[in-house]
Amino acid sequence: MPAIKQPSIALLVRETRQYLKLSQVKLATMLGVSFHTVNRWENGRTRPSPLAMKQIEKLLYQMGESGEALLAKYF
């Protein structure tokens, strides 16, 4: 998986969450992280760990066509 720039990660997380119509709390639960972690990702203060990025990537694959579009856009 190629490295993604910090602002792009924030947008990727936000767009994924919004497409799934999830709150930050619900996305955090799905990914096994805290609400604060998702909030920091979306605000560009921190980056997801490699494990969290794999989980996000897996989630995108599960989303079907829309997830594939986000994969193409950000990866």
N, C-alpha and C. Protein backbone atom coordinates (compact mmCIF):
# COMPACT_ATOMS: atom_id res chain seq x y z
N MET A 1 0.85 -1.17 0.00
CA MET A 1 0.00 0.00 0.00
C MET A 1 0.90 1.24 0.00
N PRO A 2 0.73 2.14 -0.98
CA PRO A 2 1.55 3.34 -1.03
C PRO A 2 1.20 4.31 0.08
N ALA A 3 2.15 5.15 0.42
CA ALA A 3 1.92 6.16 1.45
C ALA A 3 0.95 7.22 0.95
N ILE A 4 0.04 7.62 1.81
CA ILE A 4 -0.93 8.65 1.48
C ILE A 4 -0.57 9.87 2.30
N LYS A 5 -0.67 11.05 1.69
CA LYS A 5 -0.36 12.29 2.40
C LYS A 5 -1.39 12.54 3.51
N GLN A 6 -0.97 13.21 4.57
CA GLN A 6 -1.81 13.46 5.74
C GLN A 6 -3.17 14.08 5.40
N PRO A 7 -3.23 15.17 4.61
CA PRO A 7 -4.56 15.75 4.32
C PRO A 7 -5.46 14.75 3.58
N SER A 8 -4.87 13.91 2.74
CA SER A 8 -5.65 12.93 2.00
C SER A 8 -6.22 11.87 2.92
N ILE A 9 -5.47 11.49 3.94
CA ILE A 9 -5.97 10.50 4.90
C ILE A 9 -7.19 11.06 5.62
N ALA A 10 -7.10 12.31 6.03
CA ALA A 10 -8.23 12.94 6.71
C ALA A 10 -9.47 12.92 5.81
N LEU A 11 -9.29 13.26 4.54
CA LEU A 11 -10.42 13.26 3.61
C LEU A 11 -10.93 11.86 3.36
N LEU A 12 -10.03 10.90 3.24
CA LEU A 12 -10.43 9.51 3.03
C LEU A 12 -11.30 9.02 4.18
N VAL A 13 -10.86 9.25 5.40
CA VAL A 13 -11.62 8.80 6.57
C VAL A 13 -12.97 9.48 6.61
N ARG A 14 -13.00 10.79 6.39
CA ARG A 14 -14.26 11.54 6.43
C ARG A 14 -15.22 11.08 5.33
N GLU A 15 -14.71 10.93 4.10
CA GLU A 15 -15.58 10.52 2.99
C GLU A 15 -16.11 9.11 3.20
N THR A 16 -15.27 8.22 3.70
CA THR A 16 -15.71 6.86 3.96
C THR A 16 -16.83 6.86 5.00
N ARG A 17 -16.60 7.57 6.06
CA ARG A 17 -17.59 7.64 7.15
C ARG A 17 -18.90 8.25 6.67
N GLN A 18 -18.81 9.34 5.91
CA GLN A 18 -20.01 10.00 5.43
C GLN A 18 -20.78 9.14 4.43
N TYR A 19 -20.05 8.44 3.57
CA TYR A 19 -20.73 7.57 2.61
C TYR A 19 -21.51 6.48 3.34
N LEU A 20 -20.91 5.93 4.39
CA LEU A 20 -21.56 4.87 5.16
C LEU A 20 -22.62 5.42 6.12
N LYS A 21 -22.73 6.75 6.18
CA LYS A 21 -23.69 7.42 7.08
C LYS A 21 -23.48 6.99 8.54
N LEU A 22 -22.21 7.02 8.93
CA LEU A 22 -21.84 6.65 10.28
C LEU A 22 -21.34 7.87 11.04
N SER A 23 -21.57 7.87 12.33
CA SER A 23 -20.96 8.89 13.18
C SER A 23 -19.50 8.49 13.40
N GLN A 24 -18.73 9.40 13.94
CA GLN A 24 -17.34 9.07 14.26
C GLN A 24 -17.30 7.95 15.30
N VAL A 25 -18.25 7.95 16.22
CA VAL A 25 -18.31 6.92 17.25
C VAL A 25 -18.56 5.54 16.62
N LYS A 26 -19.50 5.47 15.68
CA LYS A 26 -19.82 4.18 15.07
C LYS A 26 -18.67 3.67 14.18
N LEU A 27 -18.03 4.58 13.45
CA LEU A 27 -16.89 4.16 12.64
C LEU A 27 -15.76 3.67 13.56
N ALA A 28 -15.55 4.37 14.65
CA ALA A 28 -14.51 3.97 15.60
C ALA A 28 -14.79 2.57 16.13
N THR A 29 -16.04 2.28 16.45
CA THR A 29 -16.41 0.96 16.94
C THR A 29 -16.13 -0.10 15.88
N MET A 30 -16.48 0.19 14.62
CA MET A 30 -16.24 -0.76 13.53
C MET A 30 -14.75 -1.08 13.37
N LEU A 31 -13.92 -0.05 13.57
CA LEU A 31 -12.48 -0.21 13.36
C LEU A 31 -11.74 -0.63 14.63
N GLY A 32 -12.45 -0.66 15.76
CA GLY A 32 -11.81 -1.06 17.02
C GLY A 32 -10.91 0.00 17.61
N VAL A 33 -11.26 1.27 17.37
CA VAL A 33 -10.49 2.38 17.94
C VAL A 33 -11.47 3.29 18.69
N SER A 34 -10.94 4.31 19.33
CA SER A 34 -11.81 5.23 20.07
C SER A 34 -12.35 6.34 19.16
N PHE A 35 -13.41 6.97 19.62
CA PHE A 35 -13.97 8.13 18.91
C PHE A 35 -12.89 9.19 18.73
N HIS A 36 -12.11 9.41 19.78
CA HIS A 36 -11.08 10.46 19.73
C HIS A 36 -10.05 10.17 18.64
N THR A 37 -9.75 8.90 18.43
CA THR A 37 -8.80 8.52 17.39
C THR A 37 -9.34 8.89 16.02
N VAL A 38 -10.59 8.53 15.73
CA VAL A 38 -11.20 8.87 14.44
C VAL A 38 -11.26 10.38 14.28
N ASN A 39 -11.60 11.08 15.35
CA ASN A 39 -11.67 12.54 15.30
C ASN A 39 -10.31 13.14 14.96
N ARG A 40 -9.26 12.62 15.57
CA ARG A 40 -7.90 13.13 15.28
C ARG A 40 -7.50 12.82 13.84
N TRP A 41 -7.88 11.65 13.32
CA TRP A 41 -7.60 11.32 11.92
C TRP A 41 -8.28 12.32 11.00
N GLU A 42 -9.56 12.56 11.24
CA GLU A 42 -10.32 13.44 10.35
C GLU A 42 -9.85 14.88 10.41
N ASN A 43 -9.32 15.29 11.55
CA ASN A 43 -8.82 16.65 11.69
C ASN A 43 -7.35 16.78 11.33
N GLY A 44 -6.75 15.68 10.88
CA GLY A 44 -5.37 15.71 10.41
C GLY A 44 -4.33 15.82 11.50
N ARG A 45 -4.72 15.57 12.75
CA ARG A 45 -3.75 15.68 13.84
C ARG A 45 -2.88 14.44 13.97
N THR A 46 -3.43 13.27 13.59
CA THR A 46 -2.65 12.04 13.62
C THR A 46 -3.00 11.21 12.39
N ARG A 47 -2.19 10.18 12.17
CA ARG A 47 -2.42 9.26 11.05
C ARG A 47 -2.84 7.91 11.61
N PRO A 48 -3.67 7.19 10.86
CA PRO A 48 -3.99 5.83 11.30
C PRO A 48 -2.73 4.96 11.28
N SER A 49 -2.67 4.03 12.20
CA SER A 49 -1.56 3.07 12.22
C SER A 49 -1.66 2.20 10.96
N PRO A 50 -0.58 1.49 10.63
CA PRO A 50 -0.65 0.59 9.48
C PRO A 50 -1.79 -0.43 9.60
N LEU A 51 -2.02 -0.94 10.81
CA LEU A 51 -3.11 -1.89 11.02
C LEU A 51 -4.47 -1.22 10.76
N ALA A 52 -4.64 -0.01 11.27
CA ALA A 52 -5.90 0.71 11.04
C ALA A 52 -6.09 1.01 9.55
N MET A 53 -5.01 1.33 8.85
CA MET A 53 -5.12 1.58 7.41
C MET A 53 -5.57 0.32 6.68
N LYS A 54 -5.07 -0.83 7.11
CA LYS A 54 -5.51 -2.11 6.51
C LYS A 54 -7.00 -2.32 6.76
N GLN A 55 -7.46 -1.98 7.95
CA GLN A 55 -8.88 -2.13 8.28
C GLN A 55 -9.73 -1.18 7.43
N ILE A 56 -9.26 0.04 7.23
CA ILE A 56 -9.97 1.00 6.39
C ILE A 56 -10.01 0.50 4.96
N GLU A 57 -8.88 0.00 4.48
CA GLU A 57 -8.82 -0.53 3.12
C GLU A 57 -9.78 -1.70 2.95
N LYS A 58 -9.83 -2.59 3.93
CA LYS A 58 -10.75 -3.73 3.89
C LYS A 58 -12.20 -3.24 3.86
N LEU A 59 -12.50 -2.24 4.66
CA LEU A 59 -13.84 -1.65 4.68
C LEU A 59 -14.21 -1.08 3.32
N LEU A 60 -13.25 -0.43 2.67
CA LEU A 60 -13.51 0.13 1.34
C LEU A 60 -13.83 -0.96 0.33
N TYR A 61 -13.11 -2.07 0.39
CA TYR A 61 -13.40 -3.19 -0.51
C TYR A 61 -14.80 -3.73 -0.27
N GLN A 62 -15.22 -3.77 0.98
CA GLN A 62 -16.55 -4.28 1.32
C GLN A 62 -17.66 -3.34 0.85
N MET A 63 -17.34 -2.08 0.59
CA MET A 63 -18.35 -1.10 0.18
C MET A 63 -18.76 -1.25 -1.28
N GLY A 64 -18.04 -2.04 -2.03
CA GLY A 64 -18.39 -2.23 -3.44
C GLY A 64 -17.87 -1.10 -4.32
N GLU A 65 -18.69 -0.68 -5.29
CA GLU A 65 -18.26 0.32 -6.28
C GLU A 65 -17.82 1.64 -5.65
N SER A 66 -18.58 2.10 -4.68
CA SER A 66 -18.22 3.38 -4.06
C SER A 66 -16.89 3.27 -3.32
N GLY A 67 -16.66 2.13 -2.69
CA GLY A 67 -15.38 1.91 -2.02
C GLY A 67 -14.24 1.82 -3.00
N GLU A 68 -14.51 1.20 -4.15
CA GLU A 68 -13.48 1.11 -5.19
C GLU A 68 -13.12 2.50 -5.72
N ALA A 69 -14.12 3.37 -5.82
CA ALA A 69 -13.86 4.74 -6.27
C ALA A 69 -12.96 5.46 -5.27
N LEU A 70 -13.23 5.28 -3.98
CA LEU A 70 -12.38 5.91 -2.97
C LEU A 70 -10.98 5.31 -2.96
N LEU A 71 -10.89 4.00 -3.16
CA LEU A 71 -9.57 3.37 -3.26
C LEU A 71 -8.76 3.97 -4.40
N ALA A 72 -9.41 4.12 -5.56
CA ALA A 72 -8.72 4.68 -6.72
C ALA A 72 -8.32 6.13 -6.47
N LYS A 73 -9.15 6.85 -5.76
CA LYS A 73 -8.90 8.28 -5.50
C LYS A 73 -7.74 8.49 -4.51
N TYR A 74 -7.65 7.64 -3.49
CA TYR A 74 -6.69 7.86 -2.41
C TYR A 74 -5.51 6.91 -2.37
N PHE A 75 -5.59 5.77 -3.01
CA PHE A 75 -4.50 4.79 -2.93
C PHE A 75 -3.78 4.70 -4.22
